C-alpha cells in the first residue's frame, strides 16, 4: 500500500468487510483564515468536508503581496511574484473531497485561482528545510491599486493591523468582492 493512502475497514451486518480507500494526494498551502487559531480553520478539521492532515509550517519561495481587503477584512495573496514578502502559512495534505470543498470556500476559479507553487517547509522536530509543491489560492485578476495596500508576511485575524476578519463574509454577495477583482 502507498504511504499516501489509508484504509478504513467497515464491518457490515453480513460480517463481510468493505474496503474504502481515500487518496491523500493533494498538498495545499494556507496563509489566511484557514490556519490554526484562525476563524475558518474548522473547515480543515470538519470530517464532513473531507480529510486533512497538517504537514508543516512553511513560506512561499517567491515574494507575494499578502493584503487584507474588502469590508470583511479578507486576506488575499495577489499574484504579483517578486512583490511583497515570503508569505508564512501552513501546509496540509488533503483528500479529493477536502480539495473540492476548499475550492468552493475559495470560489475557485471565479475569484481565487488555485495554482501549484513552491513552498519551503521545516518538518516538525527537525532543522532541515525542504522545498515542496503545493496548491496555493491566488487572486490573479485584481485592481492594481491594491498593490498600495499594506502588505503582510504573516496573517492573523487578531493582528496589530486592527482588521479582524468579519465572519459575515459567508453571507456576502459576489458584489462585495468587486473592490478587489477586475472585470
C-alpha atoms as a PDB file:
ATOM      1  CA  UNK A   1       0.000   0.000   0.000  1.00  0.00           C
ATOM      2  CA  UNK A   2       1.217   3.518  -0.777  1.00  0.00           C
ATOM      3  CA  UNK A   3       2.040   5.739   2.220  1.00  0.00           C
ATOM      4  CA  UNK A   4      -0.277   8.497   0.956  1.00  0.00           C
ATOM      5  CA  UNK A   5      -3.368   6.327   1.355  1.00  0.00           C
ATOM      6  CA  UNK A   6      -5.163   4.937   4.323  1.00  0.00           C
ATOM      7  CA  UNK A   7      -7.681   2.146   4.523  1.00  0.00           C
ATOM      8  CA  UNK A   8     -10.855   2.037   6.553  1.00  0.00           C
ATOM      9  CA  UNK A   9     -12.479  -1.346   7.181  1.00  0.00           C
ATOM     10  CA  UNK A  10     -16.207  -1.181   7.784  1.00  0.00           C
ATOM     11  CA  UNK A  11     -17.959  -4.276   9.097  1.00  0.00           C
ATOM     12  CA  UNK A  12     -21.391  -4.769   7.559  1.00  0.00           C
ATOM     13  CA  UNK A  13     -24.226  -6.759   9.165  1.00  0.00           C
ATOM     14  CA  UNK A  14     -23.419  -9.687   6.865  1.00  0.00           C
ATOM     15  CA  UNK A  15     -19.950  -9.845   8.522  1.00  0.00           C
ATOM     16  CA  UNK A  16     -18.243  -9.051   5.241  1.00  0.00           C
ATOM     17  CA  UNK A  17     -15.817  -6.149   5.081  1.00  0.00           C
ATOM     18  CA  UNK A  18     -15.927  -3.199   2.723  1.00  0.00           C
ATOM     19  CA  UNK A  19     -12.587  -1.666   1.894  1.00  0.00           C
ATOM     20  CA  UNK A  20     -12.731   2.071   1.406  1.00  0.00           C
ATOM     21  CA  UNK A  21      -9.688   3.996   0.209  1.00  0.00           C
ATOM     22  CA  UNK A  22      -9.270   7.739   0.435  1.00  0.00           C
ATOM     23  CA  UNK A  23      -6.411   9.155  -1.559  1.00  0.00           C
ATOM     24  CA  UNK A  24      -4.439  11.818   0.334  1.00  0.00           C
ATOM     25  CA  UNK A  25      -2.697  13.168  -2.704  1.00  0.00           C
ATOM     26  CA  UNK A  26      -3.021  16.942  -2.614  1.00  0.00           C
ATOM     27  CA  UNK A  27      -0.921  19.385  -0.613  1.00  0.00           C
ATOM     28  CA  UNK A  28      -2.366  22.836  -0.023  1.00  0.00           C
ATOM     29  CA  UNK A  29      -0.676  25.915   1.451  1.00  0.00           C
ATOM     30  CA  UNK A  30      -2.990  28.075   3.579  1.00  0.00           C
ATOM     31  CA  UNK A  31      -1.990  31.594   4.615  1.00  0.00           C
ATOM     32  CA  UNK A  32      -5.151  33.227   5.958  1.00  0.00           C
ATOM     33  CA  UNK A  33      -8.301  32.299   7.830  1.00  0.00           C
ATOM     34  CA  UNK A  34      -7.758  28.550   7.309  1.00  0.00           C
ATOM     35  CA  UNK A  35      -4.641  28.476   9.511  1.00  0.00           C
ATOM     36  CA  UNK A  36      -4.716  27.104  13.054  1.00  0.00           C
ATOM     37  CA  UNK A  37      -6.298  29.532  15.546  1.00  0.00           C
ATOM     38  CA  UNK A  38      -7.998  31.445  12.699  1.00  0.00           C
ATOM     39  CA  UNK A  39     -11.766  31.759  12.077  1.00  0.00           C
ATOM     40  CA  UNK A  40     -12.104  29.238   9.203  1.00  0.00           C
ATOM     41  CA  UNK A  41      -9.695  26.562  10.439  1.00  0.00           C
ATOM     42  CA  UNK A  42     -12.713  24.392  11.288  1.00  0.00           C
ATOM     43  CA  UNK A  43     -13.095  23.772   7.523  1.00  0.00           C
ATOM     44  CA  UNK A  44      -9.927  21.686   7.623  1.00  0.00           C
ATOM     45  CA  UNK A  45     -10.947  19.749  10.733  1.00  0.00           C
ATOM     46  CA  UNK A  46     -14.609  19.008   9.866  1.00  0.00           C
ATOM     47  CA  UNK A  47     -14.761  15.434   8.536  1.00  0.00           C
ATOM     48  CA  UNK A  48     -17.893  16.332   6.540  1.00  0.00           C
ATOM     49  CA  UNK A  49     -15.566  18.389   4.299  1.00  0.00           C
ATOM     50  CA  UNK A  50     -13.114  15.512   3.796  1.00  0.00           C
ATOM     51  CA  UNK A  51      -9.793  14.617   5.363  1.00  0.00           C
ATOM     52  CA  UNK A  52      -6.800  16.842   6.078  1.00  0.00           C
ATOM     53  CA  UNK A  53      -3.508  16.340   7.856  1.00  0.00           C
ATOM     54  CA  UNK A  54      -1.154  19.097   8.999  1.00  0.00           C
ATOM     55  CA  UNK A  55       2.291  18.611   7.412  1.00  0.00           C
ATOM     56  CA  UNK A  56       4.365  21.636   8.463  1.00  0.00           C
ATOM     57  CA  UNK A  57       4.631  25.397   8.700  1.00  0.00           C
ATOM     58  CA  UNK A  58       6.004  26.927   5.537  1.00  0.00           C
ATOM     59  CA  UNK A  59       6.538  30.004   3.442  1.00  0.00           C
ATOM     60  CA  UNK A  60       6.334  30.871  -0.221  1.00  0.00           C
ATOM     61  CA  UNK A  61       9.656  30.652  -2.067  1.00  0.00           C
ATOM     62  CA  UNK A  62       8.747  33.732  -4.088  1.00  0.00           C
ATOM     63  CA  UNK A  63       7.653  37.013  -2.579  1.00  0.00           C
ATOM     64  CA  UNK A  64       3.971  37.924  -2.959  1.00  0.00           C
ATOM     65  CA  UNK A  65       1.751  40.728  -1.667  1.00  0.00           C
ATOM     66  CA  UNK A  66      -0.461  39.435   1.145  1.00  0.00           C
ATOM     67  CA  UNK A  67      -3.093  42.079   1.790  1.00  0.00           C
ATOM     68  CA  UNK A  68      -6.333  42.421   3.743  1.00  0.00           C
ATOM     69  CA  UNK A  69      -9.247  43.699   1.697  1.00  0.00           C
ATOM     70  CA  UNK A  70     -12.990  44.236   1.363  1.00  0.00           C
ATOM     71  CA  UNK A  71     -15.268  45.432   4.126  1.00  0.00           C
ATOM     72  CA  UNK A  72     -14.973  41.905   5.599  1.00  0.00           C
ATOM     73  CA  UNK A  73     -11.163  42.091   6.062  1.00  0.00           C
ATOM     74  CA  UNK A  74     -10.406  39.042   3.924  1.00  0.00           C
ATOM     75  CA  UNK A  75      -6.747  38.068   3.408  1.00  0.00           C
ATOM     76  CA  UNK A  76      -5.645  37.775  -0.232  1.00  0.00           C
ATOM     77  CA  UNK A  77      -2.349  36.820  -1.833  1.00  0.00           C
ATOM     78  CA  UNK A  78      -2.190  38.854  -5.023  1.00  0.00           C
ATOM     79  CA  UNK A  79      -0.467  37.121  -7.912  1.00  0.00           C
ATOM     80  CA  UNK A  80       2.414  39.559  -8.343  1.00  0.00           C
ATOM     81  CA  UNK A  81       5.579  37.435  -7.908  1.00  0.00           C
ATOM     82  CA  UNK A  82       8.574  39.377  -6.579  1.00  0.00           C
ATOM     83  CA  UNK A  83       6.490  41.989  -4.734  1.00  0.00           C
ATOM     84  CA  UNK A  84       5.797  41.812  -1.001  1.00  0.00           C
ATOM     85  CA  UNK A  85       7.087  39.127   1.347  1.00  0.00           C
ATOM     86  CA  UNK A  86       7.744  35.421   1.604  1.00  0.00           C
ATOM     87  CA  UNK A  87       4.248  34.659   2.872  1.00  0.00           C
ATOM     88  CA  UNK A  88       4.049  32.497   6.015  1.00  0.00           C
ATOM     89  CA  UNK A  89       1.469  29.744   6.288  1.00  0.00           C
ATOM     90  CA  UNK A  90       0.738  26.078   6.857  1.00  0.00           C
ATOM     91  CA  UNK A  91       0.842  23.034   4.592  1.00  0.00           C
ATOM     92  CA  UNK A  92      -1.859  20.364   4.756  1.00  0.00           C
ATOM     93  CA  UNK A  93      -2.242  17.118   2.893  1.00  0.00           C
ATOM     94  CA  UNK A  94      -5.882  16.724   1.871  1.00  0.00           C
ATOM     95  CA  UNK A  95      -8.061  14.228   0.083  1.00  0.00           C
ATOM     96  CA  UNK A  96     -10.035  14.984  -3.079  1.00  0.00           C
ATOM     97  CA  UNK A  97     -13.243  15.745  -1.150  1.00  0.00           C
ATOM     98  CA  UNK A  98     -11.485  18.340   1.038  1.00  0.00           C
ATOM     99  CA  UNK A  99      -9.826  19.911  -2.018  1.00  0.00           C
ATOM    100  CA  UNK A 100     -13.224  20.187  -3.716  1.00  0.00           C
ATOM    101  CA  UNK A 101     -14.733  21.822  -0.622  1.00  0.00           C
ATOM    102  CA  UNK A 102     -11.808  24.250  -0.310  1.00  0.00           C
ATOM    103  CA  UNK A 103     -12.394  25.208  -3.956  1.00  0.00           C
ATOM    104  CA  UNK A 104     -15.999  26.042  -3.040  1.00  0.00           C
ATOM    105  CA  UNK A 105     -14.959  28.062   0.015  1.00  0.00           C
ATOM    106  CA  UNK A 106     -12.366  29.995  -2.018  1.00  0.00           C
ATOM    107  CA  UNK A 107     -14.749  30.366  -5.004  1.00  0.00           C
ATOM    108  CA  UNK A 108     -12.161  28.839  -7.354  1.00  0.00           C
ATOM    109  CA  UNK A 109     -11.899  29.696 -10.242  1.00  0.00           C
ATOM    110  CA  UNK A 110     -14.171  32.758 -10.065  1.00  0.00           C
ATOM    111  CA  UNK A 111     -12.167  34.819  -7.568  1.00  0.00           C
ATOM    112  CA  UNK A 112      -9.235  32.863  -6.235  1.00  0.00           C
ATOM    113  CA  UNK A 113      -7.250  30.839  -8.745  1.00  0.00           C
ATOM    114  CA  UNK A 114      -5.629  27.686  -7.391  1.00  0.00           C
ATOM    115  CA  UNK A 115      -2.119  27.054  -8.722  1.00  0.00           C
ATOM    116  CA  UNK A 116       0.862  24.901  -7.817  1.00  0.00           C
ATOM    117  CA  UNK A 117       3.752  26.864  -6.298  1.00  0.00           C
ATOM    118  CA  UNK A 118       6.982  26.108  -4.438  1.00  0.00           C
ATOM    119  CA  UNK A 119       6.785  26.244  -0.647  1.00  0.00           C
ATOM    120  CA  UNK A 120       9.697  25.940   1.792  1.00  0.00           C
ATOM    121  CA  UNK A 121       8.849  23.939   4.902  1.00  0.00           C
ATOM    122  CA  UNK A 122      10.581  22.870   8.074  1.00  0.00           C
ATOM    123  CA  UNK A 123       9.491  19.428   9.074  1.00  0.00           C
ATOM    124  CA  UNK A 124       8.335  19.355  12.703  1.00  0.00           C
ATOM    125  CA  UNK A 125      11.118  18.194  15.005  1.00  0.00           C
ATOM    126  CA  UNK A 126      13.922  18.937  12.539  1.00  0.00           C
ATOM    127  CA  UNK A 127      16.032  21.889  11.460  1.00  0.00           C
ATOM    128  CA  UNK A 128      16.103  20.820   7.820  1.00  0.00           C
ATOM    129  CA  UNK A 129      14.376  22.831   5.087  1.00  0.00           C
ATOM    130  CA  UNK A 130      12.552  21.106   2.278  1.00  0.00           C
ATOM    131  CA  UNK A 131      11.010  22.582  -0.869  1.00  0.00           C
ATOM    132  CA  UNK A 132       7.690  21.056  -1.888  1.00  0.00           C
ATOM    133  CA  UNK A 133       4.966  21.777  -4.428  1.00  0.00           C
ATOM    134  CA  UNK A 134       1.589  22.859  -3.027  1.00  0.00           C
ATOM    135  CA  UNK A 135      -1.657  24.285  -4.247  1.00  0.00           C
ATOM    136  CA  UNK A 136      -1.996  27.980  -3.328  1.00  0.00           C
ATOM    137  CA  UNK A 137      -5.093  30.162  -3.778  1.00  0.00           C
ATOM    138  CA  UNK A 138      -4.098  33.407  -5.522  1.00  0.00           C
ATOM    139  CA  UNK A 139      -6.063  36.494  -6.509  1.00  0.00           C
ATOM    140  CA  UNK A 140      -4.965  36.891 -10.135  1.00  0.00           C
ATOM    141  CA  UNK A 141      -7.392  39.440 -11.594  1.00  0.00           C
ATOM    142  CA  UNK A 142      -7.056  42.270  -9.120  1.00  0.00           C
ATOM    143  CA  UNK A 143      -7.134  46.041  -9.284  1.00  0.00           C
ATOM    144  CA  UNK A 144      -3.562  47.382  -9.480  1.00  0.00           C
ATOM    145  CA  UNK A 145      -4.217  49.975  -6.768  1.00  0.00           C
ATOM    146  CA  UNK A 146      -4.333  47.087  -4.264  1.00  0.00           C
ATOM    147  CA  UNK A 147      -0.544  46.975  -4.528  1.00  0.00           C
ATOM    148  CA  UNK A 148      -0.545  50.203  -2.474  1.00  0.00           C
ATOM    149  CA  UNK A 149      -2.250  48.400   0.464  1.00  0.00           C
ATOM    150  CA  UNK A 150      -0.210  47.382   3.480  1.00  0.00           C
ATOM    151  CA  UNK A 151       1.457  44.032   2.767  1.00  0.00           C
ATOM    152  CA  UNK A 152       1.970  41.359   5.388  1.00  0.00           C
ATOM    153  CA  UNK A 153       4.350  38.458   5.825  1.00  0.00           C
ATOM    154  CA  UNK A 154       2.073  36.573   8.198  1.00  0.00           C
ATOM    155  CA  UNK A 155      -1.705  36.907   8.574  1.00  0.00           C
ATOM    156  CA  UNK A 156      -3.602  36.869  11.843  1.00  0.00           C
ATOM    157  CA  UNK A 157      -7.201  37.969  12.210  1.00  0.00           C
ATOM    158  CA  UNK A 158      -6.264  39.404  15.608  1.00  0.00           C
ATOM    159  CA  UNK A 159      -3.066  41.101  14.406  1.00  0.00           C
ATOM    160  CA  UNK A 160      -1.886  44.578  15.309  1.00  0.00           C
ATOM    161  CA  UNK A 161      -3.271  45.829  11.963  1.00  0.00           C
ATOM    162  CA  UNK A 162      -6.684  46.158  13.654  1.00  0.00           C
ATOM    163  CA  UNK A 163      -8.547  44.484  10.777  1.00  0.00           C
ATOM    164  CA  UNK A 164     -10.288  41.434  12.265  1.00  0.00           C
ATOM    165  CA  UNK A 165     -11.893  39.022   9.818  1.00  0.00           C
ATOM    166  CA  UNK A 166     -15.655  39.507   9.802  1.00  0.00           C
ATOM    167  CA  UNK A 167     -17.356  36.157   9.514  1.00  0.00           C
ATOM    168  CA  UNK A 168     -20.473  37.674   7.966  1.00  0.00           C
ATOM    169  CA  UNK A 169     -18.448  37.357   4.744  1.00  0.00           C
ATOM    170  CA  UNK A 170     -20.128  33.973   4.319  1.00  0.00           C
ATOM    171  CA  UNK A 171     -23.408  35.854   3.906  1.00  0.00           C
ATOM    172  CA  UNK A 172     -21.990  38.367   1.447  1.00  0.00           C
ATOM    173  CA  UNK A 173     -22.686  38.586  -2.237  1.00  0.00           C
ATOM    174  CA  UNK A 174     -20.308  38.478  -5.174  1.00  0.00           C
ATOM    175  CA  UNK A 175     -20.639  42.267  -5.455  1.00  0.00           C
ATOM    176  CA  UNK A 176     -18.839  42.593  -2.102  1.00  0.00           C
ATOM    177  CA  UNK A 177     -15.638  41.334  -3.740  1.00  0.00           C
ATOM    178  CA  UNK A 178     -15.750  43.712  -6.694  1.00  0.00           C
ATOM    179  CA  UNK A 179     -13.482  46.215  -4.935  1.00  0.00           C
ATOM    180  CA  UNK A 180     -10.724  43.582  -5.255  1.00  0.00           C
ATOM    181  CA  UNK A 181     -11.277  41.895  -8.630  1.00  0.00           C
ATOM    182  CA  UNK A 182     -11.008  43.404 -12.079  1.00  0.00           C
ATOM    183  CA  UNK A 183     -13.841  42.774 -14.508  1.00  0.00           C
END
